[in-house]
Amino acid sequence: MAIYYGLRFEEQPEKVKSTIRELAKSKGLHQYKMELKEDDRCYLITPILID
C-alpha cells in the first residue's frame, strides 16, 4: 500500500502535512509526491517516491 500526495499538498498547513507523513511512516506506507511534467503534446502527472 502507498499514499500519494497531490499537487496541492504543499499548500496545506505544516501541522496537517507532518501529521499525515508521520501516520504514513508509522503504518509502513510508501509515500509518493505527484509531480507535473510537461511533454510536447500534453502534461503528465508522475509519482515520485519520497520515503
N, C-alpha and C. Protein backbone atom coordinates (compact mmCIF):
# COMPACT_ATOMS: atom_id res chain seq x y z
N MET A 1 0.84 -1.18 0.00
CA MET A 1 0.00 0.00 0.00
C MET A 1 0.88 1.24 0.00
N ALA A 2 0.31 2.34 -0.44
CA ALA A 2 1.06 3.59 -0.54
C ALA A 2 0.13 4.78 -0.36
N ILE A 3 0.74 5.93 -0.10
CA ILE A 3 -0.01 7.18 -0.03
C ILE A 3 0.58 8.11 -1.09
N TYR A 4 -0.29 8.78 -1.82
CA TYR A 4 0.12 9.70 -2.87
C TYR A 4 -0.29 11.11 -2.49
N TYR A 5 0.69 12.01 -2.45
CA TYR A 5 0.41 13.42 -2.13
C TYR A 5 0.11 14.15 -3.43
N GLY A 6 -1.05 14.78 -3.47
CA GLY A 6 -1.47 15.50 -4.68
C GLY A 6 -0.66 16.76 -4.92
N LEU A 7 -0.92 17.39 -6.05
CA LEU A 7 -0.18 18.58 -6.47
C LEU A 7 -0.33 19.74 -5.50
N ARG A 8 -1.43 19.78 -4.75
CA ARG A 8 -1.69 20.89 -3.84
C ARG A 8 -1.35 20.57 -2.38
N PHE A 9 -0.71 19.44 -2.15
CA PHE A 9 -0.38 19.02 -0.79
C PHE A 9 0.50 20.05 -0.09
N GLU A 10 1.46 20.63 -0.80
CA GLU A 10 2.38 21.59 -0.21
C GLU A 10 1.68 22.87 0.25
N GLU A 11 0.47 23.11 -0.22
CA GLU A 11 -0.29 24.30 0.19
C GLU A 11 -0.97 24.12 1.55
N GLN A 12 -0.95 22.91 2.07
CA GLN A 12 -1.60 22.61 3.34
C GLN A 12 -0.77 23.14 4.51
N PRO A 13 -1.40 23.42 5.65
CA PRO A 13 -0.65 23.85 6.84
C PRO A 13 0.39 22.79 7.24
N GLU A 14 1.51 23.24 7.79
CA GLU A 14 2.60 22.33 8.16
C GLU A 14 2.14 21.25 9.14
N LYS A 15 1.26 21.60 10.07
CA LYS A 15 0.77 20.61 11.04
C LYS A 15 0.02 19.47 10.33
N VAL A 16 -0.77 19.79 9.34
CA VAL A 16 -1.50 18.77 8.57
C VAL A 16 -0.52 17.88 7.82
N LYS A 17 0.45 18.50 7.13
CA LYS A 17 1.42 17.72 6.36
C LYS A 17 2.24 16.80 7.25
N SER A 18 2.73 17.31 8.38
CA SER A 18 3.57 16.49 9.24
C SER A 18 2.77 15.34 9.87
N THR A 19 1.52 15.60 10.22
CA THR A 19 0.67 14.54 10.79
C THR A 19 0.45 13.43 9.78
N ILE A 20 0.16 13.77 8.55
CA ILE A 20 -0.07 12.77 7.50
C ILE A 20 1.21 11.99 7.23
N ARG A 21 2.34 12.67 7.16
CA ARG A 21 3.62 11.98 6.92
C ARG A 21 3.97 11.03 8.05
N GLU A 22 3.78 11.47 9.30
CA GLU A 22 4.06 10.61 10.45
C GLU A 22 3.16 9.38 10.48
N LEU A 23 1.89 9.57 10.16
CA LEU A 23 0.95 8.46 10.12
C LEU A 23 1.36 7.45 9.03
N ALA A 24 1.74 7.95 7.88
CA ALA A 24 2.17 7.07 6.78
C ALA A 24 3.41 6.26 7.19
N LYS A 25 4.36 6.92 7.86
CA LYS A 25 5.57 6.22 8.31
C LYS A 25 5.23 5.16 9.35
N SER A 26 4.35 5.50 10.28
CA SER A 26 4.00 4.55 11.35
C SER A 26 3.28 3.33 10.79
N LYS A 27 2.56 3.48 9.70
CA LYS A 27 1.85 2.37 9.07
C LYS A 27 2.70 1.64 8.04
N GLY A 28 3.92 2.14 7.80
CA GLY A 28 4.83 1.49 6.84
C GLY A 28 4.42 1.69 5.39
N LEU A 29 3.73 2.79 5.11
CA LEU A 29 3.28 3.06 3.74
C LEU A 29 4.36 3.77 2.93
N HIS A 30 4.52 3.38 1.68
CA HIS A 30 5.39 4.13 0.78
C HIS A 30 4.73 5.47 0.51
N GLN A 31 5.54 6.52 0.35
CA GLN A 31 5.00 7.85 0.13
C GLN A 31 5.48 8.37 -1.23
N TYR A 32 4.54 8.89 -2.00
CA TYR A 32 4.84 9.42 -3.32
C TYR A 32 4.34 10.86 -3.43
N LYS A 33 5.12 11.69 -4.07
CA LYS A 33 4.72 13.06 -4.36
C LYS A 33 4.39 13.11 -5.85
N MET A 34 3.24 13.65 -6.17
CA MET A 34 2.85 13.77 -7.58
C MET A 34 3.53 15.01 -8.16
N GLU A 35 4.15 14.84 -9.32
CA GLU A 35 4.88 15.92 -9.95
C GLU A 35 4.34 16.13 -11.37
N LEU A 36 4.15 17.38 -11.73
CA LEU A 36 3.64 17.73 -13.06
C LEU A 36 4.80 17.86 -14.01
N LYS A 37 4.76 17.09 -15.10
CA LYS A 37 5.80 17.15 -16.12
C LYS A 37 5.16 17.51 -17.46
N GLU A 38 5.81 18.41 -18.17
CA GLU A 38 5.27 18.87 -19.45
C GLU A 38 5.93 18.10 -20.59
N ASP A 39 5.11 17.62 -21.49
CA ASP A 39 5.55 16.91 -22.68
C ASP A 39 5.27 17.81 -23.87
N ASP A 40 5.72 17.44 -25.05
CA ASP A 40 5.45 18.23 -26.25
C ASP A 40 3.96 18.37 -26.52
N ARG A 41 3.21 17.33 -26.21
CA ARG A 41 1.79 17.32 -26.54
C ARG A 41 0.84 17.35 -25.35
N CYS A 42 1.35 17.11 -24.15
CA CYS A 42 0.45 17.02 -23.01
C CYS A 42 1.20 17.24 -21.70
N TYR A 43 0.46 17.24 -20.63
CA TYR A 43 1.03 17.31 -19.28
C TYR A 43 0.89 15.92 -18.64
N LEU A 44 1.93 15.49 -17.97
CA LEU A 44 1.90 14.20 -17.29
C LEU A 44 2.06 14.42 -15.79
N ILE A 45 1.24 13.74 -15.02
CA ILE A 45 1.39 13.78 -13.56
C ILE A 45 2.06 12.47 -13.18
N THR A 46 3.27 12.57 -12.63
CA THR A 46 4.10 11.41 -12.36
C THR A 46 4.36 11.26 -10.86
N PRO A 47 4.21 10.07 -10.31
CA PRO A 47 4.53 9.86 -8.90
C PRO A 47 6.04 9.72 -8.69
N ILE A 48 6.58 10.40 -7.67
CA ILE A 48 7.99 10.34 -7.32
C ILE A 48 8.08 9.81 -5.89
N LEU A 49 8.81 8.73 -5.67
CA LEU A 49 8.96 8.15 -4.34
C LEU A 49 9.73 9.09 -3.44
N ILE A 50 9.19 9.37 -2.23
CA ILE A 50 9.88 10.31 -1.33
C ILE A 50 10.24 9.70 0.02
N ASP A 51 9.95 8.43 0.26
CA ASP A 51 10.28 7.87 1.58
C ASP A 51 11.51 7.05 1.57
